[in-house]
Amino acid sequence: MPLHYGRAALIAGAPIIWNYFKWMRKYAKNPTKYPFEKRYKDVQKLLRTLSRGFNVEYHVEGLEKLPEGNIFIACNHLSAYDPVTLICVLDRPCTFVAKKELIDKPFIGKIIKGIEGQFIDRQDLKQSLRVMMNVESDFKTRADKSWIIFPEGTRNRDPMNNLLAFHHGTFRPAVKTNTPIVPVAIYGTFRVLKRKPAHKKYPIYIKFLDPIYPEQYKDMSTLDIAKIVENKIEQAISFDLRKKDHLEMTKIDKKYKFNKIY
């Protein structure tokens, strides 16, 4: 459907350009000069406009389970649209760890800098460790910012397969700071940014699972924690979200096939 990107550009193009000059550049250059909540709300508003342009429909469960205070959100990774999705549905200010290749992208790079995200070099172990230490330091010193982490480390390009193995080191910031860990299962994002999108609308399912509190994981290794979180998310996708997605997609597109990779 060639109108997919055209519609997104029509609805979100002007707001993106306007906000680039209004706040994107100045937030990226000197983020701490402005309240984090204000920066986050501006980013969220813009990304919600983008989602409307792409005809995304969010189906969210479990927000009521989120504990007070900062949280460590661990989510599976299917698309570059995953962080957009989470920011759109989370009113609590948060940021995320992104791949270093995004740092110089004219719009997305500045947005990530504006909400104090971290850029990670997946090929550099020492740099990756420094990033995790920065997240840990943030939890110790900030009361206004939660973090989103994608423990698979890269996108799972086959949404019909199991999750990629979780990197247990990504859980170190939560363990070191006694921060609640919230597993999040996400499904459907892999369709939104395809070069040849095939649907009129794009349902995305997000399920916030039961938090894992410090008193629950205090005697566990990060390896054990990673496996537990991975299993919880895998089960939520396999036994719940994939089925809901299938039912919705068959309503949207008569030619939809459950086992086809879009």
C-alpha atoms as a PDB file:
ATOM      1  CA  MET A   1       0.000   0.000   0.000  1.00  0.00           C
ATOM      2  CA  PRO A   2       2.090   2.952  -1.267  1.00  0.00           C
ATOM      3  CA  LEU A   3      -0.100   5.484   0.572  1.00  0.00           C
ATOM      4  CA  HIS A   4       1.180   4.148   3.910  1.00  0.00           C
ATOM      5  CA  TYR A   5       4.274   6.366   4.065  1.00  0.00           C
ATOM      6  CA  GLY A   6       2.549   9.186   2.203  1.00  0.00           C
ATOM      7  CA  ARG A   7      -0.165   9.334   4.840  1.00  0.00           C
ATOM      8  CA  ALA A   8       2.428   9.314   7.633  1.00  0.00           C
ATOM      9  CA  ALA A   9       4.312  12.143   5.931  1.00  0.00           C
ATOM     10  CA  LEU A  10       1.115  14.125   5.439  1.00  0.00           C
ATOM     11  CA  ILE A  11       0.089  13.830   9.095  1.00  0.00           C
ATOM     12  CA  ALA A  12       3.469  13.844  10.852  1.00  0.00           C
ATOM     13  CA  GLY A  13       5.828  15.524   8.368  1.00  0.00           C
ATOM     14  CA  ALA A  14       5.019  19.126   9.240  1.00  0.00           C
ATOM     15  CA  PRO A  15       4.975  18.492  13.032  1.00  0.00           C
ATOM     16  CA  ILE A  16       8.375  16.769  12.799  1.00  0.00           C
ATOM     17  CA  ILE A  17       9.934  19.694  10.938  1.00  0.00           C
ATOM     18  CA  TRP A  18       8.244  22.276  13.175  1.00  0.00           C
ATOM     19  CA  ASN A  19       9.368  20.552  16.355  1.00  0.00           C
ATOM     20  CA  TYR A  20      12.864  20.038  14.973  1.00  0.00           C
ATOM     21  CA  PHE A  21      13.315  23.795  15.065  1.00  0.00           C
ATOM     22  CA  LYS A  22      11.099  24.385  18.115  1.00  0.00           C
ATOM     23  CA  TRP A  23      12.681  21.986  20.623  1.00  0.00           C
ATOM     24  CA  MET A  24      14.440  18.980  19.082  1.00  0.00           C
ATOM     25  CA  ARG A  25      17.799  20.683  18.485  1.00  0.00           C
ATOM     26  CA  LYS A  26      17.938  22.539  21.780  1.00  0.00           C
ATOM     27  CA  TYR A  27      16.897  19.493  23.805  1.00  0.00           C
ATOM     28  CA  ALA A  28      19.606  17.432  22.097  1.00  0.00           C
ATOM     29  CA  LYS A  29      22.274  20.085  22.641  1.00  0.00           C
ATOM     30  CA  ASN A  30      21.574  20.794  26.303  1.00  0.00           C
ATOM     31  CA  PRO A  31      18.935  18.377  27.651  1.00  0.00           C
ATOM     32  CA  THR A  32      19.461  19.004  31.372  1.00  0.00           C
ATOM     33  CA  LYS A  33      18.585  22.664  30.905  1.00  0.00           C
ATOM     34  CA  TYR A  34      14.935  21.645  30.564  1.00  0.00           C
ATOM     35  CA  PRO A  35      12.756  19.500  32.901  1.00  0.00           C
ATOM     36  CA  PHE A  36      12.852  15.846  31.888  1.00  0.00           C
ATOM     37  CA  GLU A  37       9.093  15.467  32.150  1.00  0.00           C
ATOM     38  CA  LYS A  38       8.590  18.387  29.734  1.00  0.00           C
ATOM     39  CA  ARG A  39      11.054  16.919  27.214  1.00  0.00           C
ATOM     40  CA  TYR A  40       9.433  13.509  27.472  1.00  0.00           C
ATOM     41  CA  LYS A  41       5.919  14.876  26.946  1.00  0.00           C
ATOM     42  CA  ASP A  42       7.031  16.780  23.853  1.00  0.00           C
ATOM     43  CA  VAL A  43       8.644  13.642  22.409  1.00  0.00           C
ATOM     44  CA  GLN A  44       5.628  11.520  23.300  1.00  0.00           C
ATOM     45  CA  LYS A  45       3.209  13.933  21.626  1.00  0.00           C
ATOM     46  CA  LEU A  46       5.243  13.911  18.415  1.00  0.00           C
ATOM     47  CA  LEU A  47       5.569  10.111  18.359  1.00  0.00           C
ATOM     48  CA  ARG A  48       1.844   9.703  18.937  1.00  0.00           C
ATOM     49  CA  THR A  49       1.254  11.904  15.890  1.00  0.00           C
ATOM     50  CA  LEU A  50       3.616   9.674  13.913  1.00  0.00           C
ATOM     51  CA  SER A  51       1.731   6.572  15.064  1.00  0.00           C
ATOM     52  CA  ARG A  52      -1.533   8.115  13.971  1.00  0.00           C
ATOM     53  CA  GLY A  53       0.040   8.759  10.565  1.00  0.00           C
ATOM     54  CA  PHE A  54       0.998   5.102  10.268  1.00  0.00           C
ATOM     55  CA  ASN A  55      -2.512   3.988  11.332  1.00  0.00           C
ATOM     56  CA  VAL A  56      -1.132   2.176  14.365  1.00  0.00           C
ATOM     57  CA  GLU A  57      -3.609   0.833  16.930  1.00  0.00           C
ATOM     58  CA  TYR A  58      -2.231   0.157  20.391  1.00  0.00           C
ATOM     59  CA  HIS A  59      -3.730  -2.647  22.487  1.00  0.00           C
ATOM     60  CA  VAL A  60      -2.276  -2.299  25.965  1.00  0.00           C
ATOM     61  CA  GLU A  61      -2.628  -4.551  29.001  1.00  0.00           C
ATOM     62  CA  GLY A  62      -1.191  -4.397  32.503  1.00  0.00           C
ATOM     63  CA  LEU A  63      -0.319  -0.727  32.952  1.00  0.00           C
ATOM     64  CA  GLU A  64      -1.996  -0.886  36.338  1.00  0.00           C
ATOM     65  CA  LYS A  65       0.707  -3.344  37.458  1.00  0.00           C
ATOM     66  CA  LEU A  66       3.496  -0.786  37.248  1.00  0.00           C
ATOM     67  CA  PRO A  67       4.972   0.014  40.673  1.00  0.00           C
ATOM     68  CA  GLU A  68       5.593   3.555  41.855  1.00  0.00           C
ATOM     69  CA  GLY A  69       8.963   5.138  41.244  1.00  0.00           C
ATOM     70  CA  ASN A  70      11.579   4.303  38.655  1.00  0.00           C
ATOM     71  CA  ILE A  71      11.391   0.924  36.962  1.00  0.00           C
ATOM     72  CA  PHE A  72      13.593  -1.196  34.711  1.00  0.00           C
ATOM     73  CA  ILE A  73      11.560  -2.244  31.660  1.00  0.00           C
ATOM     74  CA  ALA A  74      12.831  -5.321  29.801  1.00  0.00           C
ATOM     75  CA  CYS A  75      11.138  -5.874  26.451  1.00  0.00           C
ATOM     76  CA  ASN A  76      11.547  -8.189  23.480  1.00  0.00           C
ATOM     77  CA  HIS A  77      12.749  -6.529  20.268  1.00  0.00           C
ATOM     78  CA  LEU A  78      11.066  -6.958  16.882  1.00  0.00           C
ATOM     79  CA  SER A  79      11.425  -3.572  15.202  1.00  0.00           C
ATOM     80  CA  ALA A  80      12.888  -0.088  15.345  1.00  0.00           C
ATOM     81  CA  TYR A  81       9.304   0.875  16.178  1.00  0.00           C
ATOM     82  CA  ASP A  82       9.460  -0.842  19.589  1.00  0.00           C
ATOM     83  CA  PRO A  83      10.792   2.173  21.557  1.00  0.00           C
ATOM     84  CA  VAL A  84       8.332   4.446  19.742  1.00  0.00           C
ATOM     85  CA  THR A  85       5.535   2.148  20.855  1.00  0.00           C
ATOM     86  CA  LEU A  86       6.589   2.065  24.496  1.00  0.00           C
ATOM     87  CA  ILE A  87       7.010   5.829  24.729  1.00  0.00           C
ATOM     88  CA  CYS A  88       3.572   6.301  23.155  1.00  0.00           C
ATOM     89  CA  VAL A  89       1.835   4.125  25.757  1.00  0.00           C
ATOM     90  CA  LEU A  90       3.901   5.030  28.841  1.00  0.00           C
ATOM     91  CA  ASP A  91       2.971   8.335  30.479  1.00  0.00           C
ATOM     92  CA  ARG A  92       5.707   7.840  33.048  1.00  0.00           C
ATOM     93  CA  PRO A  93       8.894   9.536  31.760  1.00  0.00           C
ATOM     94  CA  CYS A  94      11.435   7.027  30.527  1.00  0.00           C
ATOM     95  CA  THR A  95      14.277   6.646  28.078  1.00  0.00           C
ATOM     96  CA  PHE A  96      16.101   3.762  26.431  1.00  0.00           C
ATOM     97  CA  VAL A  97      19.372   2.303  25.209  1.00  0.00           C
ATOM     98  CA  ALA A  98      19.727   2.572  21.414  1.00  0.00           C
ATOM     99  CA  LYS A  99      22.280   1.277  18.931  1.00  0.00           C
ATOM    100  CA  LYS A 100      25.098   3.734  18.189  1.00  0.00           C
ATOM    101  CA  GLU A 101      24.202   3.881  14.482  1.00  0.00           C
ATOM    102  CA  LEU A 102      21.258   6.153  15.381  1.00  0.00           C
ATOM    103  CA  ILE A 103      23.335   8.855  17.035  1.00  0.00           C
ATOM    104  CA  ASP A 104      23.821  10.918  13.865  1.00  0.00           C
ATOM    105  CA  LYS A 105      20.365  10.420  12.370  1.00  0.00           C
ATOM    106  CA  PRO A 106      18.926  13.947  11.941  1.00  0.00           C
ATOM    107  CA  PHE A 107      15.637  13.446  13.764  1.00  0.00           C
ATOM    108  CA  ILE A 108      15.707  10.213  15.767  1.00  0.00           C
ATOM    109  CA  GLY A 109      19.246  10.847  17.026  1.00  0.00           C
ATOM    110  CA  LYS A 110      18.259  14.230  18.423  1.00  0.00           C
ATOM    111  CA  ILE A 111      15.089  12.817  19.980  1.00  0.00           C
ATOM    112  CA  ILE A 112      17.088  10.132  21.803  1.00  0.00           C
ATOM    113  CA  LYS A 113      19.628  12.705  22.991  1.00  0.00           C
ATOM    114  CA  GLY A 114      16.780  14.955  24.080  1.00  0.00           C
ATOM    115  CA  ILE A 115      15.469  12.341  26.504  1.00  0.00           C
ATOM    116  CA  GLU A 116      18.996  11.401  27.605  1.00  0.00           C
ATOM    117  CA  GLY A 117      19.064   7.985  25.988  1.00  0.00           C
ATOM    118  CA  GLN A 118      22.303   6.046  25.760  1.00  0.00           C
ATOM    119  CA  PHE A 119      23.915   4.826  22.539  1.00  0.00           C
ATOM    120  CA  ILE A 120      25.548   1.418  22.681  1.00  0.00           C
ATOM    121  CA  ASP A 121      28.190  -0.139  20.437  1.00  0.00           C
ATOM    122  CA  ARG A 122      27.220  -3.792  20.338  1.00  0.00           C
ATOM    123  CA  GLN A 123      30.678  -4.718  19.024  1.00  0.00           C
ATOM    124  CA  ASP A 124      32.556  -2.992  21.856  1.00  0.00           C
ATOM    125  CA  LEU A 125      32.278  -4.832  25.157  1.00  0.00           C
ATOM    126  CA  LYS A 126      33.972  -2.089  27.194  1.00  0.00           C
ATOM    127  CA  GLN A 127      31.740   0.625  25.758  1.00  0.00           C
ATOM    128  CA  SER A 128      28.651  -1.531  26.371  1.00  0.00           C
ATOM    129  CA  LEU A 129      29.713  -1.957  29.995  1.00  0.00           C
ATOM    130  CA  ARG A 130      30.131   1.807  30.378  1.00  0.00           C
ATOM    131  CA  VAL A 131      26.611   2.328  29.049  1.00  0.00           C
ATOM    132  CA  MET A 132      25.186  -0.123  31.590  1.00  0.00           C
ATOM    133  CA  MET A 133      27.146   1.663  34.332  1.00  0.00           C
ATOM    134  CA  ASN A 134      25.638   4.966  33.196  1.00  0.00           C
ATOM    135  CA  VAL A 135      22.169   3.462  33.489  1.00  0.00           C
ATOM    136  CA  GLU A 136      23.063   2.183  36.948  1.00  0.00           C
ATOM    137  CA  SER A 137      24.282   5.634  37.957  1.00  0.00           C
ATOM    138  CA  ASP A 138      21.049   7.143  36.683  1.00  0.00           C
ATOM    139  CA  PHE A 139      18.969   4.870  38.889  1.00  0.00           C
ATOM    140  CA  LYS A 140      21.074   5.903  41.884  1.00  0.00           C
ATOM    141  CA  THR A 141      20.849   9.641  41.298  1.00  0.00           C
ATOM    142  CA  ARG A 142      17.566  10.282  39.467  1.00  0.00           C
ATOM    143  CA  ALA A 143      14.028   9.828  40.707  1.00  0.00           C
ATOM    144  CA  ASP A 144      12.343  10.987  37.502  1.00  0.00           C
ATOM    145  CA  LYS A 145      13.507   8.568  34.848  1.00  0.00           C
ATOM    146  CA  SER A 146      12.826   4.899  34.131  1.00  0.00           C
ATOM    147  CA  TRP A 147      14.767   2.885  31.572  1.00  0.00           C
ATOM    148  CA  ILE A 148      13.709   0.640  28.679  1.00  0.00           C
ATOM    149  CA  ILE A 149      16.156  -2.126  27.762  1.00  0.00           C
ATOM    150  CA  PHE A 150      15.969  -4.696  24.961  1.00  0.00           C
ATOM    151  CA  PRO A 151      17.958  -7.638  26.385  1.00  0.00           C
ATOM    152  CA  GLU A 152      18.066  -9.524  23.063  1.00  0.00           C
ATOM    153  CA  GLY A 153      20.578  -6.903  21.960  1.00  0.00           C
ATOM    154  CA  THR A 154      19.279  -6.763  18.403  1.00  0.00           C
ATOM    155  CA  ARG A 155      16.020  -7.214  16.555  1.00  0.00           C
ATOM    156  CA  ASN A 156      14.530 -10.659  16.148  1.00  0.00           C
ATOM    157  CA  ARG A 157      13.829 -10.610  12.416  1.00  0.00           C
ATOM    158  CA  ASP A 158      11.492 -13.613  12.473  1.00  0.00           C
ATOM    159  CA  PRO A 159       8.443 -12.849  14.648  1.00  0.00           C
ATOM    160  CA  MET A 160       7.247 -16.445  14.334  1.00  0.00           C
ATOM    161  CA  ASN A 161      10.372 -17.771  16.069  1.00  0.00           C
ATOM    162  CA  ASN A 162      11.281 -17.827  19.749  1.00  0.00           C
ATOM    163  CA  LEU A 163      13.029 -14.857  21.303  1.00  0.00           C
ATOM    164  CA  LEU A 164      16.743 -14.434  20.892  1.00  0.00           C
ATOM    165  CA  ALA A 165      18.706 -15.279  24.045  1.00  0.00           C
ATOM    166  CA  PHE A 166      18.673 -12.439  26.578  1.00  0.00           C
ATOM    167  CA  HIS A 167      22.022 -10.885  27.534  1.00  0.00           C
ATOM    168  CA  HIS A 168      22.129 -11.222  31.300  1.00  0.00           C
ATOM    169  CA  GLY A 169      24.505  -8.260  31.746  1.00  0.00           C
ATOM    170  CA  THR A 170      21.721  -5.870  30.778  1.00  0.00           C
ATOM    171  CA  PHE A 171      20.032  -6.628  34.118  1.00  0.00           C
ATOM    172  CA  ARG A 172      23.010  -5.468  36.152  1.00  0.00           C
ATOM    173  CA  PRO A 173      21.757  -1.838  36.585  1.00  0.00           C
ATOM    174  CA  ALA A 174      18.497  -3.065  38.129  1.00  0.00           C
ATOM    175  CA  VAL A 175      20.197  -5.567  40.438  1.00  0.00           C
ATOM    176  CA  LYS A 176      22.835  -3.093  41.608  1.00  0.00           C
ATOM    177  CA  THR A 177      20.230  -0.471  42.477  1.00  0.00           C
ATOM    178  CA  ASN A 178      17.380  -2.690  43.744  1.00  0.00           C
ATOM    179  CA  THR A 179      15.050  -1.453  41.019  1.00  0.00           C
ATOM    180  CA  PRO A 180      11.849  -3.345  40.142  1.00  0.00           C
ATOM    181  CA  ILE A 181      12.096  -5.191  36.821  1.00  0.00           C
ATOM    182  CA  VAL A 182       9.016  -5.075  34.583  1.00  0.00           C
ATOM    183  CA  PRO A 183       8.936  -7.651  31.750  1.00  0.00           C
ATOM    184  CA  VAL A 184       7.048  -6.373  28.701  1.00  0.00           C
ATOM    185  CA  ALA A 185       5.863  -8.455  25.756  1.00  0.00           C
ATOM    186  CA  ILE A 186       5.322  -6.654  22.458  1.00  0.00           C
ATOM    187  CA  TYR A 187       3.992  -7.940  19.140  1.00  0.00           C
ATOM    188  CA  GLY A 188       3.030  -6.440  15.785  1.00  0.00           C
ATOM    189  CA  THR A 189       5.640  -3.691  15.487  1.00  0.00           C
ATOM    190  CA  PHE A 190       7.496  -5.578  12.754  1.00  0.00           C
ATOM    191  CA  ARG A 191       4.872  -4.633  10.135  1.00  0.00           C
ATOM    192  CA  VAL A 192       4.801  -0.861  10.576  1.00  0.00           C
ATOM    193  CA  LEU A 193       8.043   0.168   8.856  1.00  0.00           C
ATOM    194  CA  LYS A 194       8.119  -2.343   6.011  1.00  0.00           C
ATOM    195  CA  ARG A 195       8.996  -0.824   2.621  1.00  0.00           C
ATOM    196  CA  LYS A 196       5.966  -2.481   1.071  1.00  0.00           C
ATOM    197  CA  PRO A 197       3.367  -2.402   3.821  1.00  0.00           C
ATOM    198  CA  ALA A 198       0.335  -4.475   3.029  1.00  0.00           C
ATOM    199  CA  HIS A 199      -2.404  -3.431   5.449  1.00  0.00           C
ATOM    200  CA  LYS A 200      -4.814  -0.596   6.134  1.00  0.00           C
ATOM    201  CA  LYS A 201      -4.044  -0.461   9.828  1.00  0.00           C
ATOM    202  CA  TYR A 202      -1.420  -1.873  12.148  1.00  0.00           C
ATOM    203  CA  PRO A 203      -2.403  -3.339  15.508  1.00  0.00           C
ATOM    204  CA  ILE A 204       0.357  -3.535  18.100  1.00  0.00           C
ATOM    205  CA  TYR A 205      -0.039  -5.529  21.297  1.00  0.00           C
ATOM    206  CA  ILE A 206       1.803  -4.530  24.462  1.00  0.00           C
ATOM    207  CA  LYS A 207       1.480  -6.522  27.656  1.00  0.00           C
ATOM    208  CA  PHE A 208       3.085  -5.368  30.909  1.00  0.00           C
ATOM    209  CA  LEU A 209       3.691  -8.469  33.005  1.00  0.00           C
ATOM    210  CA  ASP A 210       3.957  -8.813  36.773  1.00  0.00           C
ATOM    211  CA  PRO A 211       6.923  -6.832  38.113  1.00  0.00           C
ATOM    212  CA  ILE A 212       9.834  -8.689  39.682  1.00  0.00           C
ATOM    213  CA  TYR A 213      10.738  -6.887  42.885  1.00  0.00           C
ATOM    214  CA  PRO A 214      14.178  -6.747  44.524  1.00  0.00           C
ATOM    215  CA  GLU A 215      13.079  -9.020  47.352  1.00  0.00           C
ATOM    216  CA  GLN A 216      12.160 -11.627  44.724  1.00  0.00           C
ATOM    217  CA  TYR A 217      15.451 -11.552  42.825  1.00  0.00           C
ATOM    218  CA  LYS A 218      17.898 -10.664  45.629  1.00  0.00           C
ATOM    219  CA  ASP A 219      19.341 -14.187  45.757  1.00  0.00           C
ATOM    220  CA  MET A 220      19.422 -14.705  41.993  1.00  0.00           C
ATOM    221  CA  SER A 221      22.227 -14.172  39.502  1.00  0.00           C
ATOM    222  CA  THR A 222      21.667 -11.912  36.509  1.00  0.00           C
ATOM    223  CA  LEU A 223      21.776 -15.087  34.405  1.00  0.00           C
ATOM    224  CA  ASP A 224      18.833 -16.518  36.365  1.00  0.00           C
ATOM    225  CA  ILE A 225      16.918 -13.237  36.152  1.00  0.00           C
ATOM    226  CA  ALA A 226      17.465 -12.980  32.406  1.00  0.00           C
ATOM    227  CA  LYS A 227      16.128 -16.488  31.861  1.00  0.00           C
ATOM    228  CA  ILE A 228      13.039 -15.887  34.006  1.00  0.00           C
ATOM    229  CA  VAL A 229      12.212 -12.623  32.208  1.00  0.00           C
ATOM    230  CA  GLU A 230      12.836 -14.197  28.809  1.00  0.00           C
ATOM    231  CA  ASN A 231      10.511 -17.112  29.622  1.00  0.00           C
ATOM    232  CA  LYS A 232       7.747 -14.833  30.891  1.00  0.00           C
ATOM    233  CA  ILE A 233       7.837 -12.710  27.753  1.00  0.00           C
ATOM    234  CA  GLU A 234       8.078 -15.758  25.482  1.00  0.00           C
ATOM    235  CA  GLN A 235       4.994 -17.306  27.089  1.00  0.00           C
ATOM    236  CA  ALA A 236       3.011 -14.072  26.855  1.00  0.00           C
ATOM    237  CA  ILE A 237       3.758 -13.783  23.146  1.00  0.00           C
ATOM    238  CA  SER A 238       3.260 -17.457  22.274  1.00  0.00           C
ATOM    239  CA  PHE A 239       0.091 -18.102  24.272  1.00  0.00           C
ATOM    240  CA  ASP A 240      -1.583 -14.709  24.197  1.00  0.00           C
ATOM    241  CA  LEU A 241      -0.372 -11.869  21.965  1.00  0.00           C
ATOM    242  CA  ARG A 242       0.290 -13.886  18.817  1.00  0.00           C
ATOM    243  CA  LYS A 243      -3.234 -15.333  19.003  1.00  0.00           C
ATOM    244  CA  LYS A 244      -4.841 -11.922  19.515  1.00  0.00           C
ATOM    245  CA  ASP A 245      -2.785 -10.506  16.680  1.00  0.00           C
ATOM    246  CA  HIS A 246      -3.837 -13.347  14.388  1.00  0.00           C
ATOM    247  CA  LEU A 247      -7.532 -12.793  15.097  1.00  0.00           C
ATOM    248  CA  GLU A 248      -7.262  -9.052  14.500  1.00  0.00           C
ATOM    249  CA  MET A 249      -5.207  -9.387  11.328  1.00  0.00           C
ATOM    250  CA  THR A 250      -7.707 -11.804   9.768  1.00  0.00           C
ATOM    251  CA  LYS A 251     -10.352  -9.081  10.233  1.00  0.00           C
ATOM    252  CA  ILE A 252      -8.128  -6.432   8.655  1.00  0.00           C
ATOM    253  CA  ASP A 253      -6.854  -8.455   5.701  1.00  0.00           C
ATOM    254  CA  LYS A 254      -8.629 -11.441   4.160  1.00  0.00           C
ATOM    255  CA  LYS A 255      -5.356 -12.551   2.549  1.00  0.00           C
ATOM    256  CA  TYR A 256      -3.473 -12.545   5.831  1.00  0.00           C
ATOM    257  CA  LYS A 257      -1.630 -15.745   6.672  1.00  0.00           C
ATOM    258  CA  PHE A 258      -0.642 -16.560  10.232  1.00  0.00           C
ATOM    259  CA  ASN A 259       2.722 -18.058   9.329  1.00  0.00           C
ATOM    260  CA  LYS A 260       3.757 -15.464   6.739  1.00  0.00           C
ATOM    261  CA  ILE A 261       6.657 -13.182   7.630  1.00  0.00           C
ATOM    262  CA  TYR A 262       5.760  -9.594   6.771  1.00  0.00           C
END
